[in-house]
């Protein structure tokens, strides 16, 4: 049985770019690397607005509903929050963007109000980062399964 450190058993290498403004991922399959070490695949599925813009990265923003449950990430979060704001229904929702570097501050801005980082630590750190990584992971595995016919 192959161990985690057994390099010969690796099928791919993947990386997440968790950026302040935009986030994404890239990966290289073992067989692609052997043919061309510089060939790297990236996500091509992030779509903004009315399908008019596609991007390798999505905005690093997360939207939670009034119950503080994850609603959406990236362009979908931006679009949904914009629609809620236009309809004046956004006050009870939680929209976080560019939160990565804000975590170095003592206060976090959400919906135009400043909150103590200690009060929102669970939401700002655990939920935002976790949901962002999970969405990127889901997008990556969906793309991977569409490209790979057989995985042992």
N, C-alpha and C. Protein backbone atom coordinates (compact mmCIF):
# COMPACT_ATOMS: atom_id res chain seq x y z
N UNK A 1 0.84 -1.18 0.00
CA UNK A 1 0.00 0.00 0.00
C UNK A 1 0.88 1.24 0.00
N UNK A 2 0.54 2.19 -0.83
CA UNK A 2 1.32 3.42 -0.95
C UNK A 2 1.06 4.33 0.24
N UNK A 3 2.12 4.98 0.69
CA UNK A 3 1.97 5.94 1.78
C UNK A 3 1.89 7.34 1.21
N UNK A 4 1.54 8.29 2.07
CA UNK A 4 1.41 9.67 1.64
C UNK A 4 2.71 10.22 1.08
N UNK A 5 3.83 9.72 1.57
CA UNK A 5 5.13 10.23 1.13
C UNK A 5 5.68 9.48 -0.08
N UNK A 6 4.97 8.47 -0.56
CA UNK A 6 5.41 7.72 -1.73
C UNK A 6 5.12 8.52 -3.00
N UNK A 7 6.14 9.18 -3.53
CA UNK A 7 5.97 10.07 -4.68
C UNK A 7 5.51 9.33 -5.94
N UNK A 8 5.87 8.08 -6.07
CA UNK A 8 5.49 7.34 -7.27
C UNK A 8 3.99 7.09 -7.35
N UNK A 9 3.30 7.13 -6.23
CA UNK A 9 1.86 6.84 -6.24
C UNK A 9 1.01 8.09 -6.48
N UNK A 10 1.61 9.25 -6.53
CA UNK A 10 0.84 10.49 -6.70
C UNK A 10 0.28 10.59 -8.12
N UNK A 11 -1.01 10.92 -8.23
CA UNK A 11 -1.64 11.10 -9.53
C UNK A 11 -1.60 12.55 -9.98
N UNK A 12 -1.58 13.47 -9.00
CA UNK A 12 -1.59 14.88 -9.34
C UNK A 12 -1.08 15.72 -8.19
N UNK A 13 -0.79 16.96 -8.50
CA UNK A 13 -0.44 17.97 -7.51
C UNK A 13 -1.41 19.12 -7.72
N UNK A 14 -2.00 19.62 -6.63
CA UNK A 14 -2.95 20.72 -6.72
C UNK A 14 -2.56 21.81 -5.74
N UNK A 15 -2.91 23.05 -6.08
CA UNK A 15 -2.63 24.18 -5.21
C UNK A 15 -3.82 25.14 -5.21
N UNK A 16 -4.09 25.74 -4.06
CA UNK A 16 -5.13 26.76 -3.94
C UNK A 16 -4.45 28.10 -3.76
N UNK A 17 -4.85 29.06 -4.57
CA UNK A 17 -4.38 30.44 -4.44
C UNK A 17 -5.47 31.19 -3.68
N UNK A 18 -5.28 31.35 -2.39
CA UNK A 18 -6.25 32.05 -1.55
C UNK A 18 -5.82 33.50 -1.48
N UNK A 19 -6.35 34.30 -2.38
CA UNK A 19 -5.92 35.68 -2.49
C UNK A 19 -6.79 36.64 -1.71
N UNK A 20 -6.28 37.84 -1.54
CA UNK A 20 -7.03 38.87 -0.85
C UNK A 20 -8.25 39.28 -1.67
N UNK A 21 -8.07 39.43 -2.98
CA UNK A 21 -9.14 39.88 -3.85
C UNK A 21 -9.78 38.74 -4.63
N UNK A 22 -8.98 37.87 -5.19
CA UNK A 22 -9.47 36.73 -5.98
C UNK A 22 -8.79 35.45 -5.52
N UNK A 23 -9.50 34.33 -5.68
CA UNK A 23 -8.97 33.02 -5.32
C UNK A 23 -9.21 32.03 -6.46
N UNK A 24 -8.39 31.02 -6.51
CA UNK A 24 -8.53 30.00 -7.54
C UNK A 24 -7.67 28.80 -7.21
N UNK A 25 -7.50 27.95 -8.19
CA UNK A 25 -6.67 26.77 -8.00
C UNK A 25 -6.00 26.39 -9.31
N UNK A 26 -4.98 25.57 -9.20
CA UNK A 26 -4.28 25.02 -10.35
C UNK A 26 -3.84 23.60 -10.00
N UNK A 27 -3.62 22.80 -11.04
CA UNK A 27 -3.17 21.44 -10.79
C UNK A 27 -2.41 20.90 -12.00
N UNK A 28 -1.66 19.86 -11.75
CA UNK A 28 -0.94 19.17 -12.81
C UNK A 28 -1.07 17.68 -12.58
N UNK A 29 -1.49 16.97 -13.61
CA UNK A 29 -1.61 15.51 -13.54
C UNK A 29 -0.23 14.90 -13.76
N UNK A 30 -0.01 13.74 -13.19
CA UNK A 30 1.28 13.07 -13.28
C UNK A 30 1.68 12.83 -14.74
N UNK A 31 0.75 12.33 -15.56
CA UNK A 31 1.09 12.04 -16.95
C UNK A 31 1.36 13.33 -17.74
N UNK A 32 0.66 14.42 -17.40
CA UNK A 32 0.92 15.70 -18.07
C UNK A 32 2.30 16.23 -17.69
N UNK A 33 2.65 16.08 -16.41
CA UNK A 33 3.93 16.56 -15.93
C UNK A 33 5.09 15.82 -16.63
N UNK A 34 4.91 14.52 -16.85
CA UNK A 34 5.95 13.76 -17.54
C UNK A 34 6.14 14.24 -18.97
N UNK A 35 5.04 14.58 -19.65
CA UNK A 35 5.11 15.07 -21.03
C UNK A 35 5.63 16.50 -21.11
N UNK A 36 5.15 17.35 -20.23
CA UNK A 36 5.52 18.76 -20.23
C UNK A 36 5.42 19.30 -18.80
N UNK A 37 6.53 19.41 -18.09
CA UNK A 37 6.51 19.85 -16.69
C UNK A 37 5.90 21.23 -16.48
N UNK A 38 5.84 22.04 -17.51
CA UNK A 38 5.29 23.40 -17.37
C UNK A 38 3.79 23.45 -17.65
N UNK A 39 3.20 22.33 -18.05
CA UNK A 39 1.76 22.32 -18.32
C UNK A 39 0.99 22.24 -17.00
N UNK A 40 0.24 23.28 -16.73
CA UNK A 40 -0.56 23.38 -15.52
C UNK A 40 -1.99 23.70 -15.92
N UNK A 41 -2.94 23.00 -15.34
CA UNK A 41 -4.34 23.26 -15.62
C UNK A 41 -4.92 24.15 -14.53
N UNK A 42 -5.86 25.01 -14.92
CA UNK A 42 -6.52 25.89 -13.96
C UNK A 42 -8.03 25.80 -14.16
N UNK A 43 -8.76 26.28 -13.17
CA UNK A 43 -10.22 26.30 -13.26
C UNK A 43 -10.65 27.27 -14.35
N UNK A 44 -11.65 26.89 -15.12
CA UNK A 44 -12.18 27.77 -16.15
C UNK A 44 -13.69 27.90 -16.00
N UNK A 45 -14.19 27.64 -14.79
CA UNK A 45 -15.64 27.58 -14.61
C UNK A 45 -16.23 28.74 -13.83
N UNK A 46 -15.42 29.66 -13.32
CA UNK A 46 -16.01 30.78 -12.58
C UNK A 46 -16.70 31.70 -13.57
N UNK A 47 -17.96 31.94 -13.36
CA UNK A 47 -18.76 32.76 -14.27
C UNK A 47 -19.38 33.91 -13.49
N UNK A 48 -19.27 35.12 -14.05
CA UNK A 48 -19.82 36.30 -13.39
C UNK A 48 -21.08 36.78 -14.08
N UNK A 49 -21.95 37.36 -13.28
CA UNK A 49 -23.15 38.02 -13.82
C UNK A 49 -23.97 37.13 -14.71
N UNK A 50 -24.31 37.64 -15.87
CA UNK A 50 -25.19 36.92 -16.79
C UNK A 50 -24.37 36.09 -17.77
N UNK A 51 -23.39 35.38 -17.25
CA UNK A 51 -22.54 34.49 -18.04
C UNK A 51 -21.67 35.27 -19.04
N UNK A 52 -21.52 36.58 -18.83
CA UNK A 52 -20.77 37.40 -19.76
C UNK A 52 -19.27 37.36 -19.49
N UNK A 53 -18.87 36.96 -18.31
CA UNK A 53 -17.46 36.95 -17.95
C UNK A 53 -17.09 35.61 -17.35
N UNK A 54 -16.05 35.00 -17.87
CA UNK A 54 -15.49 33.80 -17.25
C UNK A 54 -14.08 34.14 -16.81
N UNK A 55 -13.64 33.50 -15.74
CA UNK A 55 -12.36 33.85 -15.16
C UNK A 55 -11.70 32.62 -14.55
N UNK A 56 -10.36 32.66 -14.48
CA UNK A 56 -9.62 31.59 -13.81
C UNK A 56 -9.77 31.68 -12.30
N UNK A 57 -10.16 32.87 -11.81
CA UNK A 57 -10.31 33.07 -10.37
C UNK A 57 -11.68 33.67 -10.09
N UNK A 58 -12.12 33.50 -8.85
CA UNK A 58 -13.37 34.08 -8.39
C UNK A 58 -13.06 35.08 -7.27
N UNK A 59 -13.90 36.07 -7.10
CA UNK A 59 -13.67 37.01 -5.99
C UNK A 59 -13.65 36.28 -4.65
N UNK A 60 -12.74 36.66 -3.79
CA UNK A 60 -12.65 36.06 -2.46
C UNK A 60 -13.69 36.74 -1.58
N UNK A 61 -14.93 36.33 -1.75
CA UNK A 61 -16.02 36.85 -0.93
C UNK A 61 -17.00 35.73 -0.64
N UNK A 62 -17.64 35.85 0.53
CA UNK A 62 -18.55 34.83 1.00
C UNK A 62 -19.82 35.50 1.51
N UNK A 63 -20.96 34.88 1.23
CA UNK A 63 -22.25 35.40 1.69
C UNK A 63 -22.91 34.37 2.59
N UNK A 64 -23.34 34.84 3.78
CA UNK A 64 -24.09 34.01 4.72
C UNK A 64 -25.49 34.60 4.86
N UNK A 65 -26.48 33.74 5.04
CA UNK A 65 -27.85 34.24 5.19
C UNK A 65 -28.10 34.76 6.60
N UNK A 66 -29.35 35.13 6.88
CA UNK A 66 -29.68 35.72 8.17
C UNK A 66 -29.48 34.75 9.33
N UNK A 67 -29.42 33.44 9.05
CA UNK A 67 -29.16 32.43 10.08
C UNK A 67 -27.67 32.10 10.20
N UNK A 68 -26.86 32.89 9.51
CA UNK A 68 -25.41 32.73 9.48
C UNK A 68 -24.99 31.40 8.83
N UNK A 69 -25.82 30.91 7.90
CA UNK A 69 -25.51 29.71 7.15
C UNK A 69 -24.90 30.10 5.81
N UNK A 70 -23.94 29.32 5.35
CA UNK A 70 -23.29 29.60 4.08
C UNK A 70 -24.32 29.65 2.96
N UNK A 71 -24.24 30.68 2.13
CA UNK A 71 -25.13 30.80 0.99
C UNK A 71 -24.37 30.66 -0.32
N UNK A 72 -23.30 31.45 -0.49
CA UNK A 72 -22.59 31.41 -1.77
C UNK A 72 -21.20 32.01 -1.65
N UNK A 73 -20.43 31.81 -2.69
CA UNK A 73 -19.04 32.25 -2.76
C UNK A 73 -18.81 32.93 -4.10
N UNK A 74 -17.86 33.86 -4.14
CA UNK A 74 -17.39 34.44 -5.38
C UNK A 74 -18.40 35.30 -6.10
N UNK A 75 -18.46 35.13 -7.43
CA UNK A 75 -19.37 35.93 -8.24
C UNK A 75 -20.82 35.75 -7.81
N UNK A 76 -21.20 34.53 -7.47
CA UNK A 76 -22.58 34.28 -7.04
C UNK A 76 -22.89 35.06 -5.77
N UNK A 77 -21.94 35.11 -4.84
CA UNK A 77 -22.14 35.87 -3.60
C UNK A 77 -22.29 37.36 -3.91
N UNK A 78 -21.44 37.89 -4.79
CA UNK A 78 -21.53 39.30 -5.17
C UNK A 78 -22.88 39.61 -5.82
N UNK A 79 -23.27 38.77 -6.77
CA UNK A 79 -24.53 39.00 -7.49
C UNK A 79 -25.74 38.92 -6.56
N UNK A 80 -25.76 37.91 -5.70
CA UNK A 80 -26.89 37.74 -4.78
C UNK A 80 -26.99 38.92 -3.81
N UNK A 81 -25.84 39.31 -3.26
CA UNK A 81 -25.86 40.42 -2.29
C UNK A 81 -26.27 41.73 -2.98
N UNK A 82 -25.82 41.93 -4.21
CA UNK A 82 -26.22 43.13 -4.96
C UNK A 82 -27.73 43.16 -5.17
N UNK A 83 -28.29 42.01 -5.54
CA UNK A 83 -29.75 41.92 -5.74
C UNK A 83 -30.50 42.17 -4.43
N UNK A 84 -29.99 41.61 -3.34
CA UNK A 84 -30.61 41.84 -2.04
C UNK A 84 -30.55 43.32 -1.66
N UNK A 85 -29.41 43.96 -1.91
CA UNK A 85 -29.26 45.38 -1.58
C UNK A 85 -30.19 46.24 -2.42
N UNK A 86 -30.33 45.93 -3.70
CA UNK A 86 -31.25 46.69 -4.55
C UNK A 86 -32.69 46.60 -4.07
N UNK A 87 -33.04 45.42 -3.53
CA UNK A 87 -34.39 45.21 -3.01
C UNK A 87 -34.51 45.60 -1.54
N UNK A 88 -33.44 46.17 -0.97
CA UNK A 88 -33.41 46.57 0.45
C UNK A 88 -33.67 45.39 1.39
N UNK A 89 -33.17 44.21 1.01
CA UNK A 89 -33.37 43.01 1.82
C UNK A 89 -32.04 42.45 2.34
N UNK A 90 -31.00 43.24 2.31
CA UNK A 90 -29.66 42.76 2.64
C UNK A 90 -29.26 42.93 4.11
N UNK A 91 -30.04 43.68 4.90
CA UNK A 91 -29.61 44.06 6.24
C UNK A 91 -29.32 42.88 7.16
N UNK A 92 -30.03 41.79 6.99
CA UNK A 92 -29.85 40.63 7.89
C UNK A 92 -28.87 39.60 7.33
N UNK A 93 -28.32 39.86 6.16
CA UNK A 93 -27.36 38.95 5.54
C UNK A 93 -25.95 39.39 5.91
N UNK A 94 -24.98 38.49 5.76
CA UNK A 94 -23.59 38.76 6.10
C UNK A 94 -22.72 38.55 4.87
N UNK A 95 -22.19 39.64 4.35
CA UNK A 95 -21.36 39.60 3.14
C UNK A 95 -19.95 40.01 3.51
N UNK A 96 -19.00 39.11 3.30
CA UNK A 96 -17.60 39.36 3.60
C UNK A 96 -16.80 39.33 2.31
N UNK A 97 -16.03 40.38 2.07
CA UNK A 97 -15.12 40.38 0.93
C UNK A 97 -13.79 40.95 1.38
N UNK A 98 -12.75 40.53 0.67
CA UNK A 98 -11.39 40.98 1.00
C UNK A 98 -11.11 40.86 2.49
N UNK A 99 -11.56 39.75 3.07
CA UNK A 99 -11.43 39.55 4.51
C UNK A 99 -10.08 38.98 4.92
N UNK A 100 -9.32 38.46 3.97
CA UNK A 100 -8.06 37.80 4.30
C UNK A 100 -7.12 38.73 5.07
N UNK A 101 -6.85 39.90 4.53
CA UNK A 101 -5.93 40.81 5.19
C UNK A 101 -6.60 41.57 6.34
N UNK A 102 -7.91 41.67 6.32
CA UNK A 102 -8.62 42.34 7.42
C UNK A 102 -8.48 41.58 8.72
N UNK A 103 -8.16 40.30 8.63
CA UNK A 103 -8.02 39.51 9.85
C UNK A 103 -6.81 39.94 10.67
N UNK A 104 -5.93 40.74 10.06
CA UNK A 104 -4.80 41.29 10.80
C UNK A 104 -5.24 42.50 11.62
N UNK A 105 -6.38 43.09 11.27
CA UNK A 105 -6.91 44.24 12.01
C UNK A 105 -7.61 43.74 13.28
N UNK A 106 -7.88 44.67 14.17
CA UNK A 106 -8.61 44.30 15.38
C UNK A 106 -10.11 44.30 15.15
N UNK A 107 -10.55 44.93 14.06
CA UNK A 107 -11.98 44.99 13.77
C UNK A 107 -12.22 44.56 12.33
N UNK A 108 -13.37 43.98 12.07
CA UNK A 108 -13.75 43.53 10.73
C UNK A 108 -14.96 44.34 10.29
N UNK A 109 -14.95 44.79 9.03
CA UNK A 109 -16.09 45.55 8.51
C UNK A 109 -17.01 44.58 7.77
N UNK A 110 -18.29 44.62 8.12
CA UNK A 110 -19.30 43.77 7.48
C UNK A 110 -20.55 44.59 7.33
N UNK A 111 -21.08 44.66 6.12
CA UNK A 111 -22.31 45.41 5.85
C UNK A 111 -22.19 46.86 6.32
N UNK A 112 -21.00 47.44 6.18
CA UNK A 112 -20.81 48.83 6.53
C UNK A 112 -20.62 49.10 8.01
N UNK A 113 -20.65 48.07 8.85
CA UNK A 113 -20.47 48.24 10.29
C UNK A 113 -19.20 47.53 10.72
N UNK A 114 -18.52 48.10 11.73
CA UNK A 114 -17.33 47.48 12.27
C UNK A 114 -17.69 46.63 13.47
N UNK A 115 -17.15 45.42 13.52
CA UNK A 115 -17.37 44.51 14.62
C UNK A 115 -16.02 44.14 15.20
N UNK A 116 -16.00 43.86 16.47
CA UNK A 116 -14.78 43.37 17.10
C UNK A 116 -14.44 42.02 16.48
N UNK A 117 -13.17 41.85 16.14
CA UNK A 117 -12.74 40.58 15.55
C UNK A 117 -13.00 39.43 16.51
N UNK A 118 -12.91 39.69 17.80
CA UNK A 118 -13.12 38.61 18.77
C UNK A 118 -14.56 38.13 18.76
N UNK A 119 -15.52 39.04 18.53
CA UNK A 119 -16.93 38.64 18.48
C UNK A 119 -17.20 37.83 17.22
N UNK A 120 -16.61 38.23 16.09
CA UNK A 120 -16.87 37.55 14.82
C UNK A 120 -15.78 36.56 14.43
N UNK A 121 -14.95 36.19 15.38
CA UNK A 121 -13.84 35.30 15.05
C UNK A 121 -14.32 34.01 14.41
N UNK A 122 -15.37 33.41 14.97
CA UNK A 122 -15.90 32.17 14.40
C UNK A 122 -16.37 32.38 12.97
N UNK A 123 -17.13 33.43 12.72
CA UNK A 123 -17.63 33.68 11.37
C UNK A 123 -16.51 34.10 10.44
N UNK A 124 -15.74 35.12 10.83
CA UNK A 124 -14.74 35.70 9.95
C UNK A 124 -13.61 34.74 9.60
N UNK A 125 -13.19 33.94 10.55
CA UNK A 125 -12.07 33.05 10.28
C UNK A 125 -12.54 31.67 9.85
N UNK A 126 -13.20 30.98 10.73
CA UNK A 126 -13.57 29.59 10.44
C UNK A 126 -14.53 29.46 9.28
N UNK A 127 -15.63 30.17 9.30
CA UNK A 127 -16.61 30.01 8.24
C UNK A 127 -16.14 30.55 6.89
N UNK A 128 -15.61 31.76 6.87
CA UNK A 128 -15.19 32.34 5.59
C UNK A 128 -14.10 31.51 4.93
N UNK A 129 -13.06 31.19 5.67
CA UNK A 129 -11.98 30.41 5.09
C UNK A 129 -12.43 29.00 4.74
N UNK A 130 -13.16 28.36 5.63
CA UNK A 130 -13.61 26.99 5.38
C UNK A 130 -14.52 26.92 4.16
N UNK A 131 -15.49 27.81 4.09
CA UNK A 131 -16.41 27.79 2.95
C UNK A 131 -15.70 28.09 1.65
N UNK A 132 -14.76 29.03 1.67
CA UNK A 132 -14.01 29.35 0.46
C UNK A 132 -13.20 28.14 -0.01
N UNK A 133 -12.51 27.51 0.89
CA UNK A 133 -11.71 26.33 0.52
C UNK A 133 -12.61 25.19 0.06
N UNK A 134 -13.74 24.99 0.70
CA UNK A 134 -14.65 23.92 0.28
C UNK A 134 -15.23 24.16 -1.10
N UNK A 135 -15.58 25.40 -1.41
CA UNK A 135 -16.11 25.69 -2.75
C UNK A 135 -15.04 25.48 -3.81
N UNK A 136 -13.82 25.93 -3.53
CA UNK A 136 -12.73 25.73 -4.48
C UNK A 136 -12.44 24.24 -4.63
N UNK A 137 -12.46 23.51 -3.53
CA UNK A 137 -12.24 22.06 -3.58
C UNK A 137 -13.31 21.38 -4.42
N UNK A 138 -14.56 21.76 -4.22
CA UNK A 138 -15.66 21.18 -5.00
C UNK A 138 -15.50 21.48 -6.48
N UNK A 139 -15.15 22.71 -6.82
CA UNK A 139 -14.95 23.07 -8.23
C UNK A 139 -13.81 22.26 -8.82
N UNK A 140 -12.74 22.10 -8.06
CA UNK A 140 -11.58 21.33 -8.53
C UNK A 140 -11.95 19.87 -8.74
N UNK A 141 -12.59 19.24 -7.76
CA UNK A 141 -12.90 17.81 -7.91
C UNK A 141 -13.92 17.58 -9.02
N UNK A 142 -14.85 18.51 -9.21
CA UNK A 142 -15.80 18.39 -10.32
C UNK A 142 -15.07 18.41 -11.65
N UNK A 143 -14.15 19.36 -11.80
CA UNK A 143 -13.35 19.43 -13.03
C UNK A 143 -12.49 18.19 -13.19
N UNK A 144 -11.87 17.76 -12.12
CA UNK A 144 -11.00 16.59 -12.16
C UNK A 144 -11.77 15.35 -12.61
N UNK A 145 -12.93 15.10 -12.03
CA UNK A 145 -13.71 13.93 -12.40
C UNK A 145 -14.21 14.00 -13.84
N UNK A 146 -14.39 15.21 -14.35
CA UNK A 146 -14.82 15.32 -15.75
C UNK A 146 -13.68 15.02 -16.71
N UNK A 147 -12.44 15.19 -16.26
CA UNK A 147 -11.28 14.99 -17.13
C UNK A 147 -10.67 13.60 -16.98
N UNK A 148 -10.83 13.00 -15.83
CA UNK A 148 -10.20 11.71 -15.55
C UNK A 148 -11.25 10.61 -15.64
N UNK A 149 -11.00 9.64 -16.48
CA UNK A 149 -11.96 8.55 -16.67
C UNK A 149 -11.91 7.53 -15.53
N UNK A 150 -10.71 7.30 -15.01
CA UNK A 150 -10.55 6.26 -14.01
C UNK A 150 -9.57 6.70 -12.94
N UNK A 151 -9.98 6.62 -11.70
CA UNK A 151 -9.09 6.91 -10.57
C UNK A 151 -9.07 5.70 -9.67
N UNK A 152 -7.88 5.22 -9.38
CA UNK A 152 -7.76 4.06 -8.47
C UNK A 152 -7.97 4.49 -7.06
